Amino acid sequence: MNKADLVDAVAAELKTSRADAARAVETILEAIQRGLKTDAKVAIAGFGTFVRRERKARKGINPVTKQPIQIAATTTCGFRPSPQLRDVL
C-alpha cells in the first residue's frame, strides 16, 4: 500500500472526497514528523511507536572502487509495532 492507496482507503471509509482524505492523511503525517523532530518519539496506542534514532559515523567501503570511505553520522526513524499490531500480523 502506498500513500495514494491510503488516501483512497480513508476516503472510502469516511465516505468523503479524495481531496479531504488527502488533507487528513497529510495532516497526520506532518504531525508525526513534528513529533519526531521535537520529542524524538510518537506513540500511537494500539498501533506502535515511531522513534528518532541517531546513527554514529562509521567506516565503509565504496563498492565500485573498494576504497575505504567515512560515512557521516545521520538521524533516522525507527518503528516499534504495538502488541496489538503484532497480533494482527
N, C-alpha and C. Protein backbone atom coordinates (compact mmCIF):
# COMPACT_ATOMS: atom_id res chain seq x y z
N MET A 1 0.86 -1.18 0.00
CA MET A 1 0.00 0.00 0.00
C MET A 1 0.90 1.24 0.00
N ASN A 2 0.59 2.17 -0.87
CA ASN A 2 1.33 3.43 -0.90
C ASN A 2 0.41 4.56 -0.41
N LYS A 3 0.91 5.78 -0.46
CA LYS A 3 0.15 6.91 0.07
C LYS A 3 -1.18 7.11 -0.67
N ALA A 4 -1.17 6.95 -1.98
CA ALA A 4 -2.41 7.10 -2.75
C ALA A 4 -3.44 6.04 -2.36
N ASP A 5 -2.98 4.82 -2.13
CA ASP A 5 -3.88 3.76 -1.69
C ASP A 5 -4.46 4.08 -0.31
N LEU A 6 -3.62 4.64 0.56
CA LEU A 6 -4.07 5.01 1.89
C LEU A 6 -5.13 6.11 1.81
N VAL A 7 -4.91 7.10 0.96
CA VAL A 7 -5.89 8.18 0.77
C VAL A 7 -7.21 7.59 0.26
N ASP A 8 -7.14 6.70 -0.70
CA ASP A 8 -8.36 6.07 -1.24
C ASP A 8 -9.10 5.29 -0.15
N ALA A 9 -8.36 4.56 0.70
CA ALA A 9 -8.98 3.79 1.77
C ALA A 9 -9.66 4.70 2.79
N VAL A 10 -9.01 5.80 3.14
CA VAL A 10 -9.59 6.76 4.09
C VAL A 10 -10.84 7.40 3.48
N ALA A 11 -10.77 7.79 2.22
CA ALA A 11 -11.93 8.40 1.55
C ALA A 11 -13.10 7.43 1.52
N ALA A 12 -12.84 6.17 1.22
CA ALA A 12 -13.91 5.18 1.16
C ALA A 12 -14.51 4.93 2.55
N GLU A 13 -13.65 4.82 3.56
CA GLU A 13 -14.14 4.54 4.92
C GLU A 13 -14.95 5.70 5.48
N LEU A 14 -14.50 6.93 5.23
CA LEU A 14 -15.20 8.10 5.75
C LEU A 14 -16.30 8.62 4.83
N LYS A 15 -16.40 8.02 3.64
CA LYS A 15 -17.38 8.44 2.63
C LYS A 15 -17.24 9.95 2.37
N THR A 16 -16.03 10.36 2.08
CA THR A 16 -15.71 11.75 1.83
C THR A 16 -14.93 11.86 0.53
N SER A 17 -14.65 13.07 0.13
CA SER A 17 -13.91 13.25 -1.12
C SER A 17 -12.46 12.83 -0.94
N ARG A 18 -11.85 12.53 -2.06
CA ARG A 18 -10.45 12.12 -2.05
C ARG A 18 -9.57 13.29 -1.58
N ALA A 19 -9.94 14.52 -1.92
CA ALA A 19 -9.18 15.70 -1.50
C ALA A 19 -9.22 15.87 0.01
N ASP A 20 -10.38 15.67 0.63
CA ASP A 20 -10.48 15.76 2.08
C ASP A 20 -9.67 14.66 2.75
N ALA A 21 -9.73 13.48 2.21
CA ALA A 21 -8.95 12.36 2.76
C ALA A 21 -7.46 12.62 2.61
N ALA A 22 -7.04 13.19 1.50
CA ALA A 22 -5.63 13.50 1.28
C ALA A 22 -5.15 14.53 2.30
N ARG A 23 -5.98 15.53 2.59
CA ARG A 23 -5.62 16.53 3.60
C ARG A 23 -5.49 15.88 4.98
N ALA A 24 -6.40 14.97 5.29
CA ALA A 24 -6.37 14.29 6.58
C ALA A 24 -5.09 13.44 6.71
N VAL A 25 -4.78 12.68 5.70
CA VAL A 25 -3.58 11.84 5.73
C VAL A 25 -2.33 12.71 5.83
N GLU A 26 -2.27 13.77 5.05
CA GLU A 26 -1.11 14.67 5.07
C GLU A 26 -0.96 15.33 6.44
N THR A 27 -2.07 15.71 7.06
CA THR A 27 -2.03 16.32 8.38
C THR A 27 -1.47 15.35 9.41
N ILE A 28 -1.89 14.11 9.35
CA ILE A 28 -1.39 13.10 10.29
C ILE A 28 0.11 12.87 10.08
N LEU A 29 0.54 12.76 8.85
CA LEU A 29 1.95 12.54 8.57
C LEU A 29 2.80 13.72 9.03
N GLU A 30 2.32 14.94 8.83
CA GLU A 30 3.04 16.12 9.28
C GLU A 30 3.12 16.17 10.81
N ALA A 31 2.05 15.76 11.49
CA ALA A 31 2.05 15.74 12.95
C ALA A 31 3.07 14.73 13.47
N ILE A 32 3.18 13.58 12.82
CA ILE A 32 4.18 12.59 13.21
C ILE A 32 5.58 13.15 13.00
N GLN A 33 5.81 13.82 11.88
CA GLN A 33 7.11 14.42 11.62
C GLN A 33 7.47 15.47 12.67
N ARG A 34 6.52 16.34 13.01
CA ARG A 34 6.76 17.36 14.03
C ARG A 34 7.06 16.72 15.38
N GLY A 35 6.32 15.67 15.71
CA GLY A 35 6.54 14.97 16.98
C GLY A 35 7.92 14.34 17.05
N LEU A 36 8.36 13.75 15.96
CA LEU A 36 9.70 13.15 15.94
C LEU A 36 10.77 14.23 16.06
N LYS A 37 10.54 15.36 15.42
CA LYS A 37 11.53 16.44 15.45
C LYS A 37 11.63 17.05 16.85
N THR A 38 10.51 17.25 17.51
CA THR A 38 10.53 17.93 18.81
C THR A 38 10.69 16.98 19.99
N ASP A 39 10.03 15.83 19.97
CA ASP A 39 10.02 14.93 21.12
C ASP A 39 10.85 13.66 20.92
N ALA A 40 11.26 13.37 19.70
CA ALA A 40 12.04 12.18 19.35
C ALA A 40 11.23 10.90 19.48
N LYS A 41 9.92 11.01 19.76
CA LYS A 41 9.10 9.80 19.91
C LYS A 41 7.64 10.15 19.69
N VAL A 42 6.94 9.33 18.92
CA VAL A 42 5.50 9.49 18.72
C VAL A 42 4.86 8.13 18.96
N ALA A 43 4.07 8.02 20.01
CA ALA A 43 3.42 6.76 20.37
C ALA A 43 1.95 6.84 19.99
N ILE A 44 1.49 5.86 19.22
CA ILE A 44 0.08 5.78 18.82
C ILE A 44 -0.46 4.49 19.43
N ALA A 45 -1.33 4.63 20.43
CA ALA A 45 -1.84 3.48 21.17
C ALA A 45 -2.52 2.50 20.22
N GLY A 46 -2.19 1.23 20.36
CA GLY A 46 -2.78 0.19 19.54
C GLY A 46 -2.14 0.05 18.17
N PHE A 47 -1.19 0.90 17.84
CA PHE A 47 -0.54 0.82 16.54
C PHE A 47 0.96 0.64 16.69
N GLY A 48 1.63 1.58 17.36
CA GLY A 48 3.06 1.45 17.56
C GLY A 48 3.70 2.78 17.89
N THR A 49 5.03 2.76 17.93
CA THR A 49 5.80 3.94 18.30
C THR A 49 6.85 4.24 17.25
N PHE A 50 6.85 5.49 16.79
CA PHE A 50 7.91 5.97 15.91
C PHE A 50 8.97 6.60 16.80
N VAL A 51 10.23 6.27 16.56
CA VAL A 51 11.32 6.82 17.37
C VAL A 51 12.41 7.38 16.47
N ARG A 52 12.99 8.50 16.93
CA ARG A 52 14.11 9.09 16.21
C ARG A 52 15.37 8.39 16.69
N ARG A 53 16.22 7.99 15.74
CA ARG A 53 17.45 7.29 16.06
C ARG A 53 18.64 8.02 15.45
N GLU A 54 19.72 8.03 16.20
CA GLU A 54 20.96 8.65 15.74
C GLU A 54 21.93 7.54 15.34
N ARG A 55 22.46 7.63 14.13
CA ARG A 55 23.48 6.68 13.68
C ARG A 55 24.85 7.36 13.80
N LYS A 56 25.78 6.67 14.39
CA LYS A 56 27.13 7.21 14.53
C LYS A 56 27.86 7.18 13.20
N ALA A 57 28.88 8.03 13.09
CA ALA A 57 29.74 7.99 11.90
C ALA A 57 30.47 6.64 11.91
N ARG A 58 30.74 6.11 10.72
CA ARG A 58 31.40 4.81 10.64
C ARG A 58 32.20 4.71 9.36
N LYS A 59 33.03 3.70 9.31
CA LYS A 59 33.83 3.45 8.11
C LYS A 59 33.06 2.49 7.21
N GLY A 60 33.20 2.68 5.91
CA GLY A 60 32.57 1.81 4.93
C GLY A 60 33.52 1.59 3.78
N ILE A 61 33.06 0.86 2.78
CA ILE A 61 33.87 0.59 1.59
C ILE A 61 33.05 0.96 0.37
N ASN A 62 33.63 1.76 -0.52
CA ASN A 62 32.99 2.08 -1.79
C ASN A 62 32.91 0.80 -2.61
N PRO A 63 31.72 0.34 -2.98
CA PRO A 63 31.60 -0.93 -3.68
C PRO A 63 32.21 -0.93 -5.09
N VAL A 64 32.35 0.24 -5.67
CA VAL A 64 32.92 0.32 -7.02
C VAL A 64 34.44 0.31 -6.98
N THR A 65 35.01 1.19 -6.13
CA THR A 65 36.47 1.32 -6.11
C THR A 65 37.13 0.47 -5.04
N LYS A 66 36.35 -0.08 -4.12
CA LYS A 66 36.85 -0.87 -2.99
C LYS A 66 37.71 -0.05 -2.04
N GLN A 67 37.64 1.27 -2.13
CA GLN A 67 38.41 2.14 -1.26
C GLN A 67 37.62 2.40 0.03
N PRO A 68 38.32 2.51 1.16
CA PRO A 68 37.61 2.84 2.40
C PRO A 68 37.09 4.28 2.35
N ILE A 69 35.91 4.48 2.92
CA ILE A 69 35.31 5.82 2.98
C ILE A 69 34.76 6.04 4.38
N GLN A 70 34.57 7.29 4.73
CA GLN A 70 33.97 7.65 6.01
C GLN A 70 32.50 7.97 5.76
N ILE A 71 31.60 7.30 6.46
CA ILE A 71 30.16 7.55 6.35
C ILE A 71 29.78 8.47 7.50
N ALA A 72 29.16 9.58 7.19
CA ALA A 72 28.82 10.60 8.19
C ALA A 72 27.71 10.11 9.12
N ALA A 73 27.65 10.70 10.29
CA ALA A 73 26.56 10.43 11.23
C ALA A 73 25.25 10.94 10.64
N THR A 74 24.16 10.23 10.88
CA THR A 74 22.86 10.63 10.36
C THR A 74 21.77 10.41 11.41
N THR A 75 20.65 11.03 11.19
CA THR A 75 19.47 10.83 12.01
C THR A 75 18.45 10.09 11.16
N THR A 76 17.84 9.07 11.73
CA THR A 76 16.87 8.26 11.01
C THR A 76 15.66 8.01 11.90
N CYS A 77 14.71 7.27 11.38
CA CYS A 77 13.47 6.99 12.10
C CYS A 77 13.29 5.48 12.19
N GLY A 78 12.82 5.03 13.34
CA GLY A 78 12.51 3.63 13.52
C GLY A 78 11.06 3.47 13.94
N PHE A 79 10.56 2.26 13.88
CA PHE A 79 9.18 1.98 14.26
C PHE A 79 9.13 0.70 15.06
N ARG A 80 8.45 0.74 16.20
CA ARG A 80 8.22 -0.45 17.01
C ARG A 80 6.72 -0.71 17.04
N PRO A 81 6.26 -1.81 16.48
CA PRO A 81 4.82 -2.08 16.49
C PRO A 81 4.32 -2.42 17.89
N SER A 82 3.07 -2.08 18.14
CA SER A 82 2.46 -2.42 19.43
C SER A 82 2.12 -3.91 19.43
N PRO A 83 1.89 -4.47 20.60
CA PRO A 83 1.48 -5.89 20.66
C PRO A 83 0.21 -6.17 19.85
N GLN A 84 -0.73 -5.22 19.84
CA GLN A 84 -1.97 -5.42 19.08
C GLN A 84 -1.66 -5.53 17.58
N LEU A 85 -0.77 -4.69 17.07
CA LEU A 85 -0.40 -4.75 15.66
C LEU A 85 0.33 -6.05 15.36
N ARG A 86 1.22 -6.45 16.26
CA ARG A 86 1.94 -7.72 16.05
C ARG A 86 0.97 -8.90 16.00
N ASP A 87 -0.08 -8.87 16.81
CA ASP A 87 -1.07 -9.95 16.79
C ASP A 87 -1.81 -10.00 15.46
N VAL A 88 -2.08 -8.83 14.88
CA VAL A 88 -2.77 -8.78 13.59
C VAL A 88 -1.89 -9.37 12.49
N LEU A 89 -0.60 -9.10 12.58
CA LEU A 89 0.33 -9.58 11.55
C LEU A 89 0.63 -11.04 11.77
